[in-house]
Amino acid sequence: MNGLIRVRFITFIDDYRPINRPVRYPYYCTGKGFVHAVLVSYADGLDYIMANWPDAHVLGVEEVDSIEFDERFPKRFWYKEATE
């Protein structure tokens, strides 16, 4: 594993923003229901997801080589690529 994952998960809709700010990786709300929101976030592990969205559940994890931006998942103005 190269250390980067893309995680799709469900969280409560009241406020789906991460509880810690600033976050290191981009995240996106991809859908909303009556009670839940569906989010996609890049991360370096599931600990990152649970630290920022402690109510996250039904997690789908995909290993990725890099963060990719497109029309559906645009680059966020606040995102700064790591220069490690």
C-alpha atoms as a PDB file:
ATOM      1  CA  MET A   1       0.000   0.000   0.000  1.00  0.00           C
ATOM      2  CA  ASN A   2       1.364   3.381  -0.969  1.00  0.00           C
ATOM      3  CA  GLY A   3      -0.356   5.070   1.954  1.00  0.00           C
ATOM      4  CA  LEU A   4      -3.151   6.817   0.052  1.00  0.00           C
ATOM      5  CA  ILE A   5      -6.758   5.669   0.019  1.00  0.00           C
ATOM      6  CA  ARG A   6     -10.054   7.045  -1.201  1.00  0.00           C
ATOM      7  CA  VAL A   7     -12.916   6.331   1.181  1.00  0.00           C
ATOM      8  CA  ARG A   8     -16.646   6.522   0.509  1.00  0.00           C
ATOM      9  CA  PHE A   9     -18.756   6.623   3.654  1.00  0.00           C
ATOM     10  CA  ILE A  10     -22.027   7.695   5.217  1.00  0.00           C
ATOM     11  CA  THR A  11     -22.290  10.301   7.967  1.00  0.00           C
ATOM     12  CA  PHE A  12     -25.110  12.251   9.578  1.00  0.00           C
ATOM     13  CA  ILE A  13     -26.448  15.098   7.472  1.00  0.00           C
ATOM     14  CA  ASP A  14     -26.792  17.738  10.232  1.00  0.00           C
ATOM     15  CA  ASP A  15     -23.243  18.887   9.557  1.00  0.00           C
ATOM     16  CA  TYR A  16     -21.118  16.620   7.416  1.00  0.00           C
ATOM     17  CA  ARG A  17     -18.008  18.810   7.583  1.00  0.00           C
ATOM     18  CA  PRO A  18     -15.006  17.287   9.375  1.00  0.00           C
ATOM     19  CA  ILE A  19     -14.759  18.060  13.082  1.00  0.00           C
ATOM     20  CA  ASN A  20     -11.079  19.033  12.748  1.00  0.00           C
ATOM     21  CA  ARG A  21      -9.863  21.882  10.588  1.00  0.00           C
ATOM     22  CA  PRO A  22      -7.894  22.336   8.538  1.00  0.00           C
ATOM     23  CA  VAL A  23      -7.968  18.878   6.988  1.00  0.00           C
ATOM     24  CA  ARG A  24      -5.096  17.522   4.987  1.00  0.00           C
ATOM     25  CA  TYR A  25      -7.015  15.812   2.189  1.00  0.00           C
ATOM     26  CA  PRO A  26      -9.899  16.901  -0.057  1.00  0.00           C
ATOM     27  CA  TYR A  27     -13.394  15.609   0.676  1.00  0.00           C
ATOM     28  CA  TYR A  28     -16.694  15.834  -1.155  1.00  0.00           C
ATOM     29  CA  CYS A  29     -20.384  15.404  -0.354  1.00  0.00           C
ATOM     30  CA  THR A  30     -21.712  13.254  -3.197  1.00  0.00           C
ATOM     31  CA  GLY A  31     -25.297  12.825  -2.046  1.00  0.00           C
ATOM     32  CA  LYS A  32     -27.827  13.539   0.684  1.00  0.00           C
ATOM     33  CA  GLY A  33     -30.798  11.661   2.078  1.00  0.00           C
ATOM     34  CA  PHE A  34     -33.195  12.575   4.877  1.00  0.00           C
ATOM     35  CA  VAL A  35     -30.776  11.633   7.649  1.00  0.00           C
ATOM     36  CA  HIS A  36     -27.411  10.842   6.059  1.00  0.00           C
ATOM     37  CA  ALA A  37     -24.921  12.330   3.663  1.00  0.00           C
ATOM     38  CA  VAL A  38     -22.571  10.337   1.435  1.00  0.00           C
ATOM     39  CA  LEU A  39     -19.005  11.592   1.453  1.00  0.00           C
ATOM     40  CA  VAL A  40     -15.825  10.742  -0.397  1.00  0.00           C
ATOM     41  CA  SER A  41     -12.484  11.663   1.131  1.00  0.00           C
ATOM     42  CA  TYR A  42      -8.883  10.922   0.404  1.00  0.00           C
ATOM     43  CA  ALA A  43      -6.883   9.791   3.434  1.00  0.00           C
ATOM     44  CA  ASP A  44      -3.679   8.153   4.558  1.00  0.00           C
ATOM     45  CA  GLY A  45      -5.644   5.607   6.595  1.00  0.00           C
ATOM     46  CA  LEU A  46      -8.973   4.908   8.258  1.00  0.00           C
ATOM     47  CA  ASP A  47      -7.737   6.564  11.462  1.00  0.00           C
ATOM     48  CA  TYR A  48      -7.772   9.878   9.565  1.00  0.00           C
ATOM     49  CA  ILE A  49     -11.408   9.338   8.521  1.00  0.00           C
ATOM     50  CA  MET A  50     -12.556   8.386  12.013  1.00  0.00           C
ATOM     51  CA  ALA A  51     -10.700  11.315  13.604  1.00  0.00           C
ATOM     52  CA  ASN A  52     -12.486  13.765  11.311  1.00  0.00           C
ATOM     53  CA  TRP A  53     -15.873  12.044  10.968  1.00  0.00           C
ATOM     54  CA  PRO A  54     -16.362   9.948  14.127  1.00  0.00           C
ATOM     55  CA  ASP A  55     -19.884   8.978  13.043  1.00  0.00           C
ATOM     56  CA  ALA A  56     -18.701   7.620   9.665  1.00  0.00           C
ATOM     57  CA  HIS A  57     -20.065   4.197   8.802  1.00  0.00           C
ATOM     58  CA  VAL A  58     -20.475   1.882   5.809  1.00  0.00           C
ATOM     59  CA  LEU A  59     -16.971   2.630   4.641  1.00  0.00           C
ATOM     60  CA  GLY A  60     -15.798   1.633   1.187  1.00  0.00           C
ATOM     61  CA  VAL A  61     -12.029   1.814   0.786  1.00  0.00           C
ATOM     62  CA  GLU A  62     -10.017   1.956  -2.423  1.00  0.00           C
ATOM     63  CA  GLU A  63      -6.231   2.183  -2.649  1.00  0.00           C
ATOM     64  CA  VAL A  64      -5.155   4.928  -5.054  1.00  0.00           C
ATOM     65  CA  ASP A  65      -1.856   6.132  -6.464  1.00  0.00           C
ATOM     66  CA  SER A  66      -2.646   9.833  -6.255  1.00  0.00           C
ATOM     67  CA  ILE A  67      -5.336  12.404  -5.649  1.00  0.00           C
ATOM     68  CA  GLU A  68      -7.216  13.001  -8.874  1.00  0.00           C
ATOM     69  CA  PHE A  69      -9.359  16.005  -9.657  1.00  0.00           C
ATOM     70  CA  ASP A  70     -12.060  16.207 -12.307  1.00  0.00           C
ATOM     71  CA  GLU A  71     -15.390  17.901 -12.964  1.00  0.00           C
ATOM     72  CA  ARG A  72     -17.182  15.913 -10.263  1.00  0.00           C
ATOM     73  CA  PHE A  73     -14.324  16.151  -7.757  1.00  0.00           C
ATOM     74  CA  PRO A  74     -12.688  19.549  -8.401  1.00  0.00           C
ATOM     75  CA  LYS A  75      -9.563  20.769  -6.666  1.00  0.00           C
ATOM     76  CA  ARG A  76     -10.552  22.696  -3.537  1.00  0.00           C
ATOM     77  CA  PHE A  77      -9.217  26.241  -3.195  1.00  0.00           C
ATOM     78  CA  TRP A  78      -7.804  25.420   0.257  1.00  0.00           C
ATOM     79  CA  TYR A  79      -6.006  22.240  -0.806  1.00  0.00           C
ATOM     80  CA  LYS A  80      -2.217  22.433  -0.817  1.00  0.00           C
ATOM     81  CA  GLU A  81      -0.348  19.398  -2.063  1.00  0.00           C
ATOM     82  CA  ALA A  82       2.059  17.945   0.450  1.00  0.00           C
ATOM     83  CA  THR A  83       5.698  18.734  -0.238  1.00  0.00           C
ATOM     84  CA  GLU A  84       7.095  15.867   1.798  1.00  0.00           C
END
